[in-house]
Every structure is written in structure tokens, then in C-alpha cells.
């Protein structure tokens, strides 16, 4: 289980941050598929780069929580994520984040 795999890195309060990225993204993917994209999903867990935010969105997240990322990278992370998402929208010839949401799942 996740806690056992990262037990040596666990702070007293529990597991958070980058070790949760893959697991939390798989949960976003699961719930997006399970609900067929019918409910908004707020993703959190290990988002430390614009690419991470993008991966959460294409897995099915409507919103991405970046609190820790802002704490460690300052508010410049917001601009970096915006620029990266704008680039990915242009690359895929899309207009909105909603069009990217769940793209990896292929329900659209």
C-alpha cells in the first residue's frame, strides 16, 4: 500500500506531496471514468510543475489545487501553469480547459 511504500519518508502528520502524485492522479482518472465526467473533480497531491497540473487535467480534473506548489515556488507557479496550459490548448487546437479535461480517458 502507499503508506508502506513511503513509510521511511513519512512525516509525523502523514503522507503528502510528490509521493502522492501518481496515486492521486489515478484516483482522478478512476472517478472521472466512473462518473463519465458528470461531476467536477478537484485534484490535489504532488502538483509541483505546470506539467503535473496538465496531467491532472487530462486525467479528469476540472480544478487543480496547487497550495503547496505556491508555498514552495511562490506565486510565479500560477503564471507558469497558465502559460503551459495555454500552450497545450494551442497545440491541440482547443479553446478551453474544459476541452482538455479527461482527454486522456477519451470519453469526449
Protein backbone atom coordinates (compact mmCIF):
# COMPACT_ATOMS: atom_id res chain seq x y z
CA UNK A 1 0.00 0.00 0.00
CA UNK A 2 1.02 3.62 -0.45
CA UNK A 3 1.74 4.27 3.22
CA UNK A 4 4.04 1.22 3.47
CA UNK A 5 5.97 2.08 0.29
CA UNK A 6 6.74 5.56 1.61
CA UNK A 7 6.96 4.77 5.32
CA UNK A 8 10.58 5.88 5.57
CA UNK A 9 9.63 9.30 4.20
CA UNK A 10 6.53 9.82 6.32
CA UNK A 11 6.42 12.89 8.49
CA UNK A 12 4.58 12.55 11.79
CA UNK A 13 1.42 14.06 10.29
CA UNK A 14 1.19 11.73 7.30
CA UNK A 15 1.95 11.45 3.63
CA UNK A 16 1.68 14.39 1.23
CA UNK A 17 3.32 16.00 -1.78
CA UNK A 18 5.10 14.34 -4.69
CA UNK A 19 4.81 10.75 -3.36
CA UNK A 20 1.04 11.11 -3.80
CA UNK A 21 1.13 12.37 -7.39
CA UNK A 22 0.71 9.08 -9.27
CA UNK A 23 -1.76 7.64 -6.78
CA UNK A 24 -3.93 10.75 -6.60
CA UNK A 25 -3.86 11.11 -10.40
CA UNK A 26 -5.03 7.51 -10.76
CA UNK A 27 -7.94 8.34 -8.42
CA UNK A 28 -8.86 11.36 -10.57
CA UNK A 29 -8.78 9.10 -13.65
CA UNK A 30 -10.92 6.47 -11.90
CA UNK A 31 -13.59 8.90 -10.68
CA UNK A 32 -13.71 10.73 -13.99
CA UNK A 33 -14.28 7.43 -15.80
CA UNK A 34 -16.70 6.15 -13.17
CA UNK A 35 -18.85 9.29 -13.34
CA UNK A 36 -18.31 9.70 -17.08
CA UNK A 37 -17.16 13.23 -16.41
CA UNK A 38 -20.53 14.23 -14.94
CA UNK A 39 -19.15 15.84 -11.77
CA UNK A 40 -16.29 18.30 -11.31
CA UNK A 41 -13.19 16.81 -9.71
CA UNK A 42 -10.68 18.88 -7.75
CA UNK A 43 -7.26 17.28 -7.99
CA UNK A 44 -4.59 17.60 -5.31
CA UNK A 45 -1.44 15.78 -4.38
CA UNK A 46 2.07 16.38 -5.61
CA UNK A 47 1.48 19.08 -8.19
CA UNK A 48 4.89 20.71 -8.42
CA UNK A 49 5.09 21.81 -12.05
CA UNK A 50 2.92 23.01 -14.93
CA UNK A 51 3.26 19.55 -16.47
CA UNK A 52 1.84 17.99 -13.29
CA UNK A 53 -1.20 20.29 -13.43
CA UNK A 54 -1.71 19.33 -17.09
CA UNK A 55 -1.55 15.62 -16.23
CA UNK A 56 -4.23 16.07 -13.56
CA UNK A 57 -6.48 17.89 -16.04
CA UNK A 58 -6.17 15.36 -18.84
CA UNK A 59 -6.85 12.62 -16.26
CA UNK A 60 -10.18 14.31 -15.49
CA UNK A 61 -9.66 17.19 -13.05
CA UNK A 62 -11.76 20.29 -13.52
CA UNK A 63 -9.66 22.18 -10.97
CA UNK A 64 -6.15 21.62 -9.61
CA UNK A 65 -5.16 22.54 -6.05
CA UNK A 66 -1.63 23.97 -6.00
CA UNK A 67 -1.36 25.29 -2.45
CA UNK A 68 1.94 23.56 -1.61
CA UNK A 69 3.35 24.43 -5.00
CA UNK A 70 2.68 28.11 -4.36
CA UNK A 71 4.29 27.85 -0.92
CA UNK A 72 7.48 26.28 -2.32
CA UNK A 73 7.62 28.04 -5.71
CA UNK A 74 5.92 31.37 -4.93
CA UNK A 75 3.11 32.79 -6.99
CA UNK A 76 5.12 32.53 -10.22
CA UNK A 77 3.81 28.96 -10.44
CA UNK A 78 0.38 30.35 -11.34
CA UNK A 79 1.79 32.16 -14.38
CA UNK A 80 3.87 29.13 -15.34
CA UNK A 81 0.83 26.83 -15.22
CA UNK A 82 -1.26 29.31 -17.18
CA UNK A 83 1.40 29.62 -19.91
CA UNK A 84 1.84 25.85 -20.15
CA UNK A 85 -1.90 25.17 -20.33
CA UNK A 86 -2.30 27.93 -22.95
CA UNK A 87 0.49 26.24 -24.96
CA UNK A 88 -1.19 22.83 -24.69
CA UNK A 89 -4.56 24.26 -25.73
CA UNK A 90 -2.94 25.81 -28.80
CA UNK A 91 -1.04 22.61 -29.54
CA UNK A 92 -4.28 20.59 -29.54
CA UNK A 93 -6.24 23.36 -31.28
CA UNK A 94 -8.62 23.70 -28.31
CA UNK A 95 -10.20 26.78 -26.76
CA UNK A 96 -10.95 25.88 -23.14
CA UNK A 97 -9.58 23.85 -20.27
CA UNK A 98 -12.89 22.00 -20.23
CA UNK A 99 -11.94 20.57 -23.64
CA UNK A 100 -8.71 19.22 -22.10
CA UNK A 101 -10.43 17.77 -19.03
CA UNK A 102 -10.44 13.99 -19.25
CA UNK A 103 -8.81 13.98 -22.68
CA UNK A 104 -6.59 11.10 -21.61
CA UNK A 105 -9.68 8.99 -20.81
CA UNK A 106 -11.28 9.51 -24.20
CA UNK A 107 -14.90 9.94 -23.13
CA UNK A 108 -15.25 13.00 -25.35
